[in-house]
Amino acid sequence: MSRLGATQISARKDAAFPVVTAYDTPFARCAEAAGIDVLLCGDSLGQVVLGYSSTLPVELVDMVRHAAAVIRGTERAHVIVDLPFGTYAASDDLAVTSASELIKRSGASSVKLEGGAAAAPRIRAIVDAEIPVCAHIGVLPQTAALGSGFRRKREREQLLRDAHAIAEAGAFAVVLEMVDEEIAAAITAQIAIPTIGIGSGSHCDGQVLVLHDVLGLYPESPPFAKQYAQLGDLATDALRAYALDVRSRTFPPVATAAGPRSGNGYRT
């Protein structure tokens, strides 16, 4: 089974399609089984998986390792992977080298980088190296703490310039993060590539959320996220039950004469 290519994702303009982050094999498998065929291995893993306070400490090797795990858990999904902070902004050569390493070592379908008109040359250079690029404008998590923070973006003319610049540079899609809903609608109407919204209203072509927010695995979710389950509570309850069984010596059960059942392998 072949994976969806960037051209197929780009053709989803005007379609409503879901995107979710994934950082490991089991949850990537779950997402694909749920019919979500565009996955983002984002550097948000720094916060929701590795426990950092921001995405800044995430290295290229982290993205390679986690993206490869997502690839191993899926068959058809298009897997977009973030280029982390410090791996593309300095020069076209650095951007192409980083993107090439990420694709070659992880097997990812495309890369994503943050920035508008200023990042357009980097997008063009990577696209010219035959690597598909998803752009990202609005709030830029990698540098938000160093600049204007995580406030909603309302600079209409600048955002429109950014959107047109990245589309002209060859991006096949663009994430709009915390962009004013009316402006996000205007961008979606004006550019030919799909917009993927996160906290940017209902007019975007697609929507993306962080997996841990969707599943209720993280205690602090942004206000625009919707929790569809409370797996964090369920996991805690299950572990509490396991601990109780061990302390009361009801697990493991007393061995029978037949001995323990064989399984598919041992994990420790």
Protein backbone atom coordinates (compact mmCIF):
# COMPACT_ATOMS: atom_id res chain seq x y z
CA MET A 1 0.00 0.00 0.00
CA SER A 2 1.48 3.32 -1.06
CA ARG A 3 1.42 6.43 1.12
CA LEU A 4 -0.50 9.55 0.25
CA GLY A 5 1.73 12.07 -1.44
CA ALA A 6 1.88 15.83 -1.05
CA THR A 7 0.07 16.28 -4.38
CA GLN A 8 -2.89 14.27 -3.06
CA ILE A 9 -3.02 16.34 0.12
CA SER A 10 -2.78 19.57 -1.88
CA ALA A 11 -5.78 18.39 -3.92
CA ARG A 12 -7.91 18.48 -0.77
CA LYS A 13 -8.48 22.19 -1.15
CA ASP A 14 -12.08 22.98 -0.12
CA ALA A 15 -12.38 19.60 1.60
CA ALA A 16 -12.77 19.22 5.35
CA PHE A 17 -10.07 16.81 6.51
CA PRO A 18 -8.71 15.94 9.96
CA VAL A 19 -5.06 16.01 10.98
CA VAL A 20 -3.69 14.93 14.35
CA THR A 21 -0.23 14.83 15.83
CA ALA A 22 1.44 11.47 16.44
CA TYR A 23 4.77 10.72 18.06
CA ASP A 24 4.97 6.95 18.40
CA THR A 25 3.96 3.67 16.82
CA PRO A 26 0.86 2.66 18.84
CA PHE A 27 -0.93 6.00 18.64
CA ALA A 28 -0.02 6.41 14.97
CA ARG A 29 -1.62 3.02 14.37
CA CYS A 30 -4.74 4.15 16.26
CA ALA A 31 -5.01 7.36 14.24
CA GLU A 32 -4.74 5.58 10.92
CA ALA A 33 -7.26 2.95 12.03
CA ALA A 34 -9.63 5.83 12.85
CA GLY A 35 -9.40 7.02 9.25
CA ILE A 36 -7.07 9.97 9.87
CA ASP A 37 -4.61 9.79 7.01
CA VAL A 38 -2.60 12.97 7.55
CA LEU A 39 -0.41 12.85 10.65
CA LEU A 40 1.90 15.53 12.00
CA CYS A 41 4.92 14.47 14.00
CA GLY A 42 5.37 17.90 15.56
CA ASP A 43 8.11 19.27 17.73
CA SER A 44 5.32 19.69 20.28
CA LEU A 45 6.64 16.30 21.36
CA GLY A 46 9.13 18.32 23.38
CA GLN A 47 6.31 19.38 25.68
CA VAL A 48 3.77 16.57 25.61
CA VAL A 49 6.18 13.62 25.36
CA LEU A 50 9.60 14.73 26.61
CA GLY A 51 8.43 17.09 29.35
CA TYR A 52 10.18 20.28 28.25
CA SER A 53 8.55 23.65 28.87
CA SER A 54 8.81 24.59 25.16
CA THR A 55 9.81 23.16 21.79
CA LEU A 56 13.21 24.84 21.80
CA PRO A 57 15.24 21.94 23.26
CA VAL A 58 14.03 19.51 20.58
CA GLU A 59 16.81 18.31 18.28
CA LEU A 60 16.74 16.92 14.77
CA VAL A 61 17.64 13.49 16.13
CA ASP A 62 14.48 13.58 18.28
CA MET A 63 12.34 14.29 15.24
CA VAL A 64 14.03 11.51 13.25
CA ARG A 65 13.45 8.96 16.01
CA HIS A 66 9.81 9.82 16.65
CA ALA A 67 8.90 10.27 12.98
CA ALA A 68 10.37 6.85 12.18
CA ALA A 69 8.18 5.37 14.93
CA VAL A 70 5.10 6.98 13.36
CA ILE A 71 6.08 5.60 9.96
CA ARG A 72 6.45 2.11 11.40
CA GLY A 73 2.94 2.35 12.85
CA THR A 74 1.24 3.34 9.60
CA GLU A 75 0.88 2.17 6.02
CA ARG A 76 -1.00 4.80 4.04
CA ALA A 77 -0.89 8.01 6.08
CA HIS A 78 0.97 11.08 4.88
CA VAL A 79 3.37 11.90 7.70
CA ILE A 80 4.48 15.53 8.03
CA VAL A 81 7.46 16.11 10.32
CA ASP A 82 8.60 19.37 11.91
CA LEU A 83 12.04 20.77 11.30
CA PRO A 84 13.01 21.89 14.83
CA PHE A 85 14.37 25.28 15.86
CA GLY A 86 17.87 25.98 14.59
CA THR A 87 17.79 23.55 11.67
CA TYR A 88 16.66 25.73 8.77
CA ALA A 89 16.52 29.49 9.35
CA ALA A 90 20.21 30.33 8.95
CA SER A 91 20.63 29.42 5.28
CA ASP A 92 19.16 27.57 2.32
CA ASP A 93 21.97 25.00 2.54
CA LEU A 94 21.23 24.26 6.19
CA ALA A 95 17.52 23.97 5.46
CA VAL A 96 18.04 21.51 2.61
CA THR A 97 20.58 19.47 4.58
CA SER A 98 18.29 19.22 7.60
CA ALA A 99 15.21 18.38 5.53
CA SER A 100 17.13 15.76 3.55
CA GLU A 101 18.43 14.08 6.72
CA LEU A 102 14.98 14.07 8.28
CA ILE A 103 13.34 12.48 5.24
CA LYS A 104 16.15 10.02 4.56
CA ARG A 105 16.50 8.76 8.14
CA SER A 106 12.83 8.68 9.15
CA GLY A 107 10.99 7.88 5.92
CA ALA A 108 8.62 10.82 6.47
CA SER A 109 6.43 12.11 3.63
CA SER A 110 7.17 15.83 4.01
CA VAL A 111 8.62 18.44 6.34
CA LYS A 112 7.09 21.47 8.04
CA LEU A 113 8.77 24.72 8.96
CA GLU A 114 7.59 27.90 10.62
CA GLY A 115 7.58 31.38 9.10
CA GLY A 116 5.91 33.49 6.46
CA ALA A 117 7.44 35.65 3.75
CA ALA A 118 10.84 35.55 5.47
CA ALA A 119 10.85 31.77 5.29
CA ALA A 120 9.78 31.62 1.63
CA PRO A 121 13.36 31.26 0.31
CA ARG A 122 13.93 28.28 2.61
CA ILE A 123 10.69 26.68 1.42
CA ARG A 124 11.69 27.20 -2.19
CA ALA A 125 15.14 25.71 -1.62
CA ILE A 126 13.73 22.59 0.04
CA VAL A 127 11.04 22.18 -2.63
CA ASP A 128 13.72 22.56 -5.31
CA ALA A 129 15.52 19.67 -3.60
CA GLU A 130 12.35 17.63 -4.30
CA ILE A 131 11.18 17.51 -0.68
CA PRO A 132 7.54 18.55 -0.08
CA VAL A 133 7.03 21.36 2.45
CA CYS A 134 4.08 22.25 4.65
CA ALA A 135 4.33 25.87 5.84
CA HIS A 136 3.21 27.32 9.18
CA ILE A 137 2.14 30.91 9.83
CA GLY A 138 0.33 32.82 12.57
CA VAL A 139 1.61 31.95 16.04
CA LEU A 140 5.02 30.31 15.63
CA PRO A 141 5.63 28.15 18.72
CA GLN A 142 9.38 27.83 18.17
CA THR A 143 9.95 31.56 18.57
CA ALA A 144 6.75 32.80 20.25
CA ALA A 145 8.36 32.98 23.67
CA LEU A 146 11.18 35.07 22.20
CA GLY A 147 8.86 37.59 20.56
CA SER A 148 5.18 38.43 20.61
CA GLY A 149 4.11 35.39 22.59
CA PHE A 150 1.08 33.21 22.00
CA ARG A 151 -1.49 35.96 21.42
CA ARG A 152 -3.92 35.59 18.54
CA LYS A 153 -2.64 37.01 15.26
CA ARG A 154 -4.70 39.82 13.73
CA GLU A 155 -2.25 41.58 11.38
CA ARG A 156 -4.36 41.04 8.26
CA GLU A 157 -2.10 42.45 5.55
CA GLN A 158 1.03 40.79 6.90
CA LEU A 159 -0.69 37.44 7.26
CA LEU A 160 -2.05 37.65 3.73
CA ARG A 161 1.43 38.51 2.44
CA ASP A 162 2.86 35.60 4.34
CA ALA A 163 0.25 33.20 2.96
CA HIS A 164 0.78 34.26 -0.64
CA ALA A 165 4.57 34.14 -0.26
CA ILE A 166 4.69 30.60 1.07
CA ALA A 167 2.20 29.38 -1.54
CA GLU A 168 4.26 30.95 -4.31
CA ALA A 169 7.39 29.37 -2.84
CA GLY A 170 5.89 25.93 -3.43
CA ALA A 171 4.40 24.80 -0.10
CA PHE A 172 1.70 22.15 -0.62
CA ALA A 173 -0.29 23.21 2.48
CA VAL A 174 -0.07 25.68 5.36
CA VAL A 175 -0.90 25.47 9.04
CA LEU A 176 -2.66 28.57 10.40
CA GLU A 177 -2.12 28.73 14.16
CA MET A 178 -4.25 31.06 16.26
CA VAL A 179 -5.06 33.35 13.34
CA ASP A 180 -8.13 35.57 13.62
CA GLU A 181 -11.04 33.57 12.18
CA GLU A 182 -12.02 36.19 9.59
CA ILE A 183 -8.44 36.51 8.39
CA ALA A 184 -8.06 32.73 8.26
CA ALA A 185 -11.18 32.61 6.07
CA ALA A 186 -9.71 35.24 3.75
CA ILE A 187 -6.43 33.36 3.47
CA THR A 188 -8.27 30.12 2.76
CA ALA A 189 -10.26 31.81 -0.01
CA GLN A 190 -7.25 33.51 -1.61
CA ILE A 191 -4.58 30.82 -1.82
CA ALA A 192 -4.72 27.65 -3.88
CA ILE A 193 -3.23 25.31 -1.28
CA PRO A 194 -5.14 23.84 1.68
CA THR A 195 -5.09 25.63 5.00
CA ILE A 196 -4.94 23.52 8.15
CA GLY A 197 -6.26 25.40 11.13
CA ILE A 198 -5.40 25.13 14.79
CA GLY A 199 -7.31 27.63 16.87
CA SER A 200 -8.13 29.58 13.69
CA GLY A 201 -11.83 28.93 13.22
CA SER A 202 -14.00 26.75 11.04
CA HIS A 203 -13.24 28.15 7.59
CA CYS A 204 -9.89 26.38 7.12
CA ASP A 205 -9.76 23.41 4.78
CA GLY A 206 -8.43 21.06 7.46
CA GLN A 207 -8.08 21.05 11.22
CA VAL A 208 -5.22 19.78 13.38
CA LEU A 209 -5.05 19.12 17.11
CA VAL A 210 -2.39 17.72 19.39
CA LEU A 211 -3.10 14.07 20.12
CA HIS A 212 -2.68 14.48 23.86
CA ASP A 213 -5.32 17.23 23.90
CA VAL A 214 -7.80 15.14 21.90
CA LEU A 215 -7.38 12.17 24.23
CA GLY A 216 -7.25 14.07 27.51
CA LEU A 217 -3.72 12.89 28.26
CA TYR A 218 -2.28 16.27 29.14
CA PRO A 219 -3.44 18.35 32.11
CA GLU A 220 -3.18 21.73 30.37
CA SER A 221 -4.94 22.08 27.02
CA PRO A 222 -5.30 25.32 25.02
CA PRO A 223 -8.79 26.87 25.01
CA PHE A 224 -9.41 26.04 21.34
CA ALA A 225 -8.80 22.30 21.85
CA LYS A 226 -11.58 19.77 22.41
CA GLN A 227 -11.06 16.69 24.57
CA TYR A 228 -12.85 13.68 23.09
CA ALA A 229 -11.81 11.34 25.91
CA GLN A 230 -10.18 11.37 29.33
CA LEU A 231 -7.54 8.70 28.84
CA GLY A 232 -5.29 10.27 31.44
CA ASP A 233 -7.86 9.48 34.15
CA LEU A 234 -8.45 5.99 32.75
CA ALA A 235 -4.71 5.27 32.69
CA THR A 236 -4.32 6.42 36.30
CA ASP A 237 -7.26 4.26 37.40
CA ALA A 238 -5.84 1.22 35.58
CA LEU A 239 -2.41 1.69 37.13
CA ARG A 240 -3.95 2.18 40.57
CA ALA A 241 -5.85 -1.11 40.15
CA TYR A 242 -2.66 -2.88 39.07
CA ALA A 243 -0.75 -1.52 42.06
CA LEU A 244 -3.52 -2.64 44.41
CA ASP A 245 -3.48 -6.17 42.94
CA VAL A 246 0.29 -6.42 43.38
CA ARG A 247 0.17 -5.17 46.98
CA SER A 248 -2.66 -7.56 47.83
CA ARG A 249 -0.86 -10.44 46.07
CA THR A 250 -3.77 -11.06 43.68
CA PHE A 251 -1.51 -10.43 40.70
CA PRO A 252 0.02 -12.49 39.30
CA PRO A 253 -2.49 -15.29 39.86
CA VAL A 254 -1.38 -18.50 41.47
CA ALA A 255 0.18 -20.78 38.86
CA THR A 256 -1.81 -23.85 37.86
CA ALA A 257 -0.46 -27.27 37.07
CA ALA A 258 -0.69 -26.43 33.38
CA GLY A 259 1.72 -23.57 33.86
CA PRO A 260 1.54 -20.07 32.41
CA ARG A 261 0.10 -19.48 28.99
CA SER A 262 2.55 -18.63 26.23
CA GLY A 263 2.29 -15.26 24.57
CA ASN A 264 3.74 -13.44 21.60
CA GLY A 265 6.92 -12.51 23.41
CA TYR A 266 8.14 -10.94 26.62
CA ARG A 267 8.50 -7.24 27.27
CA THR A 268 10.21 -5.65 30.25
